[in-house]
């Protein structure tokens, strides 16, 4: 469980660094989700800013 918290904290911290630069952009779309693919759990964060053309995405594997 601790490892999961560290992974999610790392993901949110890196997401916040990019998100803060575009917080006021009207064309911003972003999310942080947990997903499963082939019995593996992942934490995924993404951000797209249509006005600036910035795209950012990060995937971190969550261990059971």
PDB file of N, CA and C in Angstrom:
ATOM      1  N   UNK A   1       0.816  -1.195   0.000  1.00  0.00           N
ATOM      2  CA  UNK A   1       0.000   0.000   0.000  1.00  0.00           C
ATOM      3  C   UNK A   1       0.864   1.266   0.000  1.00  0.00           C
ATOM      4  N   UNK A   2       1.955   1.238   0.739  1.00  0.00           N
ATOM      5  CA  UNK A   2       2.838   2.407   0.790  1.00  0.00           C
ATOM      6  C   UNK A   2       3.397   2.750  -0.575  1.00  0.00           C
ATOM      7  N   UNK A   3       3.800   1.729  -1.325  1.00  0.00           N
ATOM      8  CA  UNK A   3       4.370   1.967  -2.645  1.00  0.00           C
ATOM      9  C   UNK A   3       3.358   2.663  -3.528  1.00  0.00           C
ATOM     10  N   UNK A   4       2.116   2.277  -3.430  1.00  0.00           N
ATOM     11  CA  UNK A   4       1.040   2.881  -4.220  1.00  0.00           C
ATOM     12  C   UNK A   4       0.908   4.372  -3.897  1.00  0.00           C
ATOM     13  N   UNK A   5       0.988   4.712  -2.617  1.00  0.00           N
ATOM     14  CA  UNK A   5       0.901   6.110  -2.189  1.00  0.00           C
ATOM     15  C   UNK A   5       2.067   6.904  -2.763  1.00  0.00           C
ATOM     16  N   UNK A   6       3.272   6.353  -2.727  1.00  0.00           N
ATOM     17  CA  UNK A   6       4.444   7.037  -3.272  1.00  0.00           C
ATOM     18  C   UNK A   6       4.309   7.260  -4.771  1.00  0.00           C
ATOM     19  N   UNK A   7       3.835   6.262  -5.484  1.00  0.00           N
ATOM     20  CA  UNK A   7       3.660   6.383  -6.930  1.00  0.00           C
ATOM     21  C   UNK A   7       2.632   7.466  -7.253  1.00  0.00           C
ATOM     22  N   UNK A   8       1.496   7.438  -6.575  1.00  0.00           N
ATOM     23  CA  UNK A   8       0.453   8.428  -6.835  1.00  0.00           C
ATOM     24  C   UNK A   8       0.905   9.834  -6.448  1.00  0.00           C
ATOM     25  N   UNK A   9       1.640   9.968  -5.358  1.00  0.00           N
ATOM     26  CA  UNK A   9       2.171  11.272  -4.956  1.00  0.00           C
ATOM     27  C   UNK A   9       3.144  11.801  -5.994  1.00  0.00           C
ATOM     28  N   UNK A  10       4.024  10.950  -6.493  1.00  0.00           N
ATOM     29  CA  UNK A  10       4.974  11.341  -7.532  1.00  0.00           C
ATOM     30  C   UNK A  10       4.247  11.789  -8.794  1.00  0.00           C
ATOM     31  N   UNK A  11       3.222  11.059  -9.165  1.00  0.00           N
ATOM     32  CA  UNK A  11       2.450  11.388 -10.361  1.00  0.00           C
ATOM     33  C   UNK A  11       1.731  12.733 -10.207  1.00  0.00           C
ATOM     34  N   UNK A  12       1.109  12.942  -9.077  1.00  0.00           N
ATOM     35  CA  UNK A  12       0.386  14.199  -8.833  1.00  0.00           C
ATOM     36  C   UNK A  12       1.364  15.375  -8.790  1.00  0.00           C
ATOM     37  N   UNK A  13       2.513  15.203  -8.166  1.00  0.00           N
ATOM     38  CA  UNK A  13       3.497  16.285  -8.100  1.00  0.00           C
ATOM     39  C   UNK A  13       3.994  16.681  -9.488  1.00  0.00           C
ATOM     40  N   UNK A  14       4.291  15.714 -10.335  1.00  0.00           N
ATOM     41  CA  UNK A  14       4.766  16.037 -11.684  1.00  0.00           C
ATOM     42  C   UNK A  14       3.642  16.634 -12.526  1.00  0.00           C
ATOM     43  N   UNK A  15       2.409  16.153 -12.324  1.00  0.00           N
ATOM     44  CA  UNK A  15       1.248  16.702 -13.019  1.00  0.00           C
ATOM     45  C   UNK A  15       1.047  18.162 -12.638  1.00  0.00           C
ATOM     46  N   UNK A  16       1.139  18.463 -11.354  1.00  0.00           N
ATOM     47  CA  UNK A  16       0.927  19.825 -10.861  1.00  0.00           C
ATOM     48  C   UNK A  16       1.920  20.807 -11.468  1.00  0.00           C
ATOM     49  N   UNK A  17       3.151  20.383 -11.680  1.00  0.00           N
ATOM     50  CA  UNK A  17       4.161  21.266 -12.260  1.00  0.00           C
ATOM     51  C   UNK A  17       3.737  21.749 -13.645  1.00  0.00           C
ATOM     52  N   UNK A  18       3.195  20.870 -14.468  1.00  0.00           N
ATOM     53  CA  UNK A  18       2.727  21.251 -15.806  1.00  0.00           C
ATOM     54  C   UNK A  18       1.385  21.974 -15.739  1.00  0.00           C
ATOM     55  N   UNK A  19       0.501  21.477 -14.899  1.00  0.00           N
ATOM     56  CA  UNK A  19      -0.838  22.052 -14.794  1.00  0.00           C
ATOM     57  C   UNK A  19      -0.788  23.511 -14.337  1.00  0.00           C
ATOM     58  N   UNK A  20       0.105  23.830 -13.408  1.00  0.00           N
ATOM     59  CA  UNK A  20       0.204  25.189 -12.866  1.00  0.00           C
ATOM     60  C   UNK A  20       0.496  26.215 -13.960  1.00  0.00           C
ATOM     61  N   UNK A  21       1.275  25.829 -14.961  1.00  0.00           N
ATOM     62  CA  UNK A  21       1.617  26.744 -16.058  1.00  0.00           C
ATOM     63  C   UNK A  21       0.419  27.056 -16.952  1.00  0.00           C
ATOM     64  N   UNK A  22      -0.581  26.197 -16.970  1.00  0.00           N
ATOM     65  CA  UNK A  22      -1.703  26.333 -17.899  1.00  0.00           C
ATOM     66  C   UNK A  22      -3.049  26.456 -17.192  1.00  0.00           C
ATOM     67  N   UNK A  23      -3.032  26.673 -15.904  1.00  0.00           N
ATOM     68  CA  UNK A  23      -4.246  26.733 -15.094  1.00  0.00           C
ATOM     69  C   UNK A  23      -5.276  27.718 -15.653  1.00  0.00           C
ATOM     70  N   UNK A  24      -4.841  28.840 -16.203  1.00  0.00           N
ATOM     71  CA  UNK A  24      -5.754  29.851 -16.713  1.00  0.00           C
ATOM     72  C   UNK A  24      -6.170  29.658 -18.159  1.00  0.00           C
ATOM     73  N   UNK A  25      -5.649  28.660 -18.835  1.00  0.00           N
ATOM     74  CA  UNK A  25      -5.968  28.438 -20.250  1.00  0.00           C
ATOM     75  C   UNK A  25      -7.401  27.909 -20.400  1.00  0.00           C
ATOM     76  N   UNK A  26      -8.149  28.509 -21.282  1.00  0.00           N
ATOM     77  CA  UNK A  26      -9.548  28.115 -21.495  1.00  0.00           C
ATOM     78  C   UNK A  26      -9.667  26.762 -22.197  1.00  0.00           C
ATOM     79  N   UNK A  27      -8.661  26.365 -22.945  1.00  0.00           N
ATOM     80  CA  UNK A  27      -8.738  25.128 -23.727  1.00  0.00           C
ATOM     81  C   UNK A  27      -8.028  23.956 -23.046  1.00  0.00           C
ATOM     82  N   UNK A  28      -7.878  24.001 -21.734  1.00  0.00           N
ATOM     83  CA  UNK A  28      -7.169  22.960 -20.995  1.00  0.00           C
ATOM     84  C   UNK A  28      -8.078  21.773 -20.696  1.00  0.00           C
ATOM     85  N   UNK A  29      -7.572  20.582 -20.940  1.00  0.00           N
ATOM     86  CA  UNK A  29      -8.241  19.340 -20.563  1.00  0.00           C
ATOM     87  C   UNK A  29      -7.198  18.479 -19.855  1.00  0.00           C
ATOM     88  N   UNK A  30      -7.553  17.898 -18.707  1.00  0.00           N
ATOM     89  CA  UNK A  30      -6.575  17.127 -17.947  1.00  0.00           C
ATOM     90  C   UNK A  30      -7.277  16.133 -17.029  1.00  0.00           C
ATOM     91  N   UNK A  31      -6.555  15.073 -16.672  1.00  0.00           N
ATOM     92  CA  UNK A  31      -7.114  14.086 -15.751  1.00  0.00           C
ATOM     93  C   UNK A  31      -6.007  13.219 -15.164  1.00  0.00           C
ATOM     94  N   UNK A  32      -6.302  12.641 -14.016  1.00  0.00           N
ATOM     95  CA  UNK A  32      -5.476  11.596 -13.410  1.00  0.00           C
ATOM     96  C   UNK A  32      -6.408  10.429 -13.146  1.00  0.00           C
ATOM     97  N   UNK A  33      -6.058   9.265 -13.650  1.00  0.00           N
ATOM     98  CA  UNK A  33      -6.914   8.088 -13.500  1.00  0.00           C
ATOM     99  C   UNK A  33      -6.085   6.857 -13.160  1.00  0.00           C
ATOM    100  N   UNK A  34      -6.759   5.855 -12.643  1.00  0.00           N
ATOM    101  CA  UNK A  34      -6.160   4.535 -12.481  1.00  0.00           C
ATOM    102  C   UNK A  34      -6.798   3.628 -13.510  1.00  0.00           C
ATOM    103  N   UNK A  35      -5.965   2.823 -14.169  1.00  0.00           N
ATOM    104  CA  UNK A  35      -6.465   1.941 -15.228  1.00  0.00           C
ATOM    105  C   UNK A  35      -5.810   0.574 -15.103  1.00  0.00           C
ATOM    106  N   UNK A  36      -6.480  -0.430 -15.664  1.00  0.00           N
ATOM    107  CA  UNK A  36      -5.922  -1.777 -15.709  1.00  0.00           C
ATOM    108  C   UNK A  36      -5.802  -2.222 -17.150  1.00  0.00           C
ATOM    109  N   UNK A  37      -4.673  -2.865 -17.439  1.00  0.00           N
ATOM    110  CA  UNK A  37      -4.464  -3.422 -18.763  1.00  0.00           C
ATOM    111  C   UNK A  37      -3.722  -4.741 -18.592  1.00  0.00           C
ATOM    112  N   UNK A  38      -4.328  -5.805 -19.051  1.00  0.00           N
ATOM    113  CA  UNK A  38      -3.743  -7.152 -18.951  1.00  0.00           C
ATOM    114  C   UNK A  38      -3.305  -7.471 -17.529  1.00  0.00           C
ATOM    115  N   UNK A  39      -4.189  -7.258 -16.588  1.00  0.00           N
ATOM    116  CA  UNK A  39      -3.968  -7.566 -15.172  1.00  0.00           C
ATOM    117  C   UNK A  39      -2.878  -6.720 -14.517  1.00  0.00           C
ATOM    118  N   UNK A  40      -2.490  -5.622 -15.124  1.00  0.00           N
ATOM    119  CA  UNK A  40      -1.537  -4.698 -14.517  1.00  0.00           C
ATOM    120  C   UNK A  40      -2.268  -3.389 -14.223  1.00  0.00           C
ATOM    121  N   UNK A  41      -2.016  -2.831 -13.054  1.00  0.00           N
ATOM    122  CA  UNK A  41      -2.648  -1.568 -12.672  1.00  0.00           C
ATOM    123  C   UNK A  41      -1.687  -0.417 -12.966  1.00  0.00           C
ATOM    124  N   UNK A  42      -2.242   0.665 -13.489  1.00  0.00           N
ATOM    125  CA  UNK A  42      -1.458   1.841 -13.868  1.00  0.00           C
ATOM    126  C   UNK A  42      -2.106   3.095 -13.326  1.00  0.00           C
ATOM    127  N   UNK A  43      -1.282   4.062 -12.965  1.00  0.00           N
ATOM    128  CA  UNK A  43      -1.740   5.413 -12.667  1.00  0.00           C
ATOM    129  C   UNK A  43      -1.342   6.249 -13.878  1.00  0.00           C
ATOM    130  N   UNK A  44      -2.300   6.952 -14.428  1.00  0.00           N
ATOM    131  CA  UNK A  44      -2.061   7.712 -15.665  1.00  0.00           C
ATOM    132  C   UNK A  44      -2.496   9.157 -15.446  1.00  0.00           C
ATOM    133  N   UNK A  45      -1.626  10.078 -15.827  1.00  0.00           N
ATOM    134  CA  UNK A  45      -1.969  11.501 -15.789  1.00  0.00           C
ATOM    135  C   UNK A  45      -1.734  12.056 -17.191  1.00  0.00           C
ATOM    136  N   UNK A  46      -2.640  12.926 -17.634  1.00  0.00           N
ATOM    137  CA  UNK A  46      -2.473  13.547 -18.945  1.00  0.00           C
ATOM    138  C   UNK A  46      -3.026  14.963 -18.926  1.00  0.00           C
ATOM    139  N   UNK A  47      -2.505  15.758 -19.836  1.00  0.00           N
ATOM    140  CA  UNK A  47      -2.941  17.136 -19.969  1.00  0.00           C
ATOM    141  C   UNK A  47      -2.754  17.549 -21.427  1.00  0.00           C
ATOM    142  N   UNK A  48      -3.758  18.221 -21.966  1.00  0.00           N
ATOM    143  CA  UNK A  48      -3.697  18.768 -23.323  1.00  0.00           C
ATOM    144  C   UNK A  48      -4.206  20.199 -23.256  1.00  0.00           C
ATOM    145  N   UNK A  49      -3.451  21.107 -23.808  1.00  0.00           N
ATOM    146  CA  UNK A  49      -3.861  22.507 -23.850  1.00  0.00           C
ATOM    147  C   UNK A  49      -4.001  22.898 -25.324  1.00  0.00           C
ATOM    148  N   UNK A  50      -5.241  22.948 -25.782  1.00  0.00           N
ATOM    149  CA  UNK A  50      -5.512  23.254 -27.185  1.00  0.00           C
ATOM    150  C   UNK A  50      -5.049  24.639 -27.592  1.00  0.00           C
ATOM    151  N   UNK A  51      -5.070  25.591 -26.687  1.00  0.00           N
ATOM    152  CA  UNK A  51      -4.653  26.950 -27.003  1.00  0.00           C
ATOM    153  C   UNK A  51      -3.147  27.065 -27.190  1.00  0.00           C
ATOM    154  N   UNK A  52      -2.386  26.339 -26.381  1.00  0.00           N
ATOM    155  CA  UNK A  52      -0.918  26.418 -26.419  1.00  0.00           C
ATOM    156  C   UNK A  52      -0.287  25.290 -27.234  1.00  0.00           C
ATOM    157  N   UNK A  53      -1.043  24.217 -27.452  1.00  0.00           N
ATOM    158  CA  UNK A  53      -0.505  23.064 -28.164  1.00  0.00           C
ATOM    159  C   UNK A  53       0.325  22.139 -27.288  1.00  0.00           C
ATOM    160  N   UNK A  54       0.313  22.342 -25.986  1.00  0.00           N
ATOM    161  CA  UNK A  54       1.092  21.513 -25.067  1.00  0.00           C
ATOM    162  C   UNK A  54       0.376  20.195 -24.822  1.00  0.00           C
ATOM    163  N   UNK A  55       1.150  19.110 -24.843  1.00  0.00           N
ATOM    164  CA  UNK A  55       0.642  17.775 -24.495  1.00  0.00           C
ATOM    165  C   UNK A  55       1.599  17.168 -23.501  1.00  0.00           C
ATOM    166  N   UNK A  56       1.062  16.580 -22.457  1.00  0.00           N
ATOM    167  CA  UNK A  56       1.885  15.924 -21.449  1.00  0.00           C
ATOM    168  C   UNK A  56       1.154  14.681 -20.987  1.00  0.00           C
ATOM    169  N   UNK A  57       1.902  13.598 -20.803  1.00  0.00           N
ATOM    170  CA  UNK A  57       1.311  12.330 -20.366  1.00  0.00           C
ATOM    171  C   UNK A  57       2.360  11.539 -19.606  1.00  0.00           C
ATOM    172  N   UNK A  58       1.918  10.874 -18.544  1.00  0.00           N
ATOM    173  CA  UNK A  58       2.832  10.036 -17.770  1.00  0.00           C
ATOM    174  C   UNK A  58       2.076   8.823 -17.260  1.00  0.00           C
ATOM    175  N   UNK A  59       2.705   7.648 -17.364  1.00  0.00           N
ATOM    176  CA  UNK A  59       2.130   6.382 -16.915  1.00  0.00           C
ATOM    177  C   UNK A  59       3.085   5.773 -15.876  1.00  0.00           C
ATOM    178  N   UNK A  60       2.555   5.389 -14.732  1.00  0.00           N
ATOM    179  CA  UNK A  60       3.352   4.715 -13.711  1.00  0.00           C
ATOM    180  C   UNK A  60       2.643   3.438 -13.304  1.00  0.00           C
ATOM    181  N   UNK A  61       3.398   2.353 -13.253  1.00  0.00           N
ATOM    182  CA  UNK A  61       2.820   1.062 -12.876  1.00  0.00           C
ATOM    183  C   UNK A  61       2.593   1.004 -11.379  1.00  0.00           C
ATOM    184  N   UNK A  62       1.426   0.540 -10.981  1.00  0.00           N
ATOM    185  CA  UNK A  62       1.078   0.341  -9.580  1.00  0.00           C
ATOM    186  C   UNK A  62       1.280  -1.128  -9.236  1.00  0.00           C
ATOM    187  N   UNK A  63       2.082  -1.380  -8.243  1.00  0.00           N
ATOM    188  CA  UNK A  63       2.324  -2.766  -7.832  1.00  0.00           C
ATOM    189  C   UNK A  63       1.262  -3.190  -6.835  1.00  0.00           C
ATOM    190  N   UNK A  64       0.897  -4.456  -6.884  1.00  0.00           N
ATOM    191  CA  UNK A  64      -0.147  -4.973  -5.985  1.00  0.00           C
ATOM    192  C   UNK A  64       0.300  -4.981  -4.551  1.00  0.00           C
TER     193      UNK A  64
END
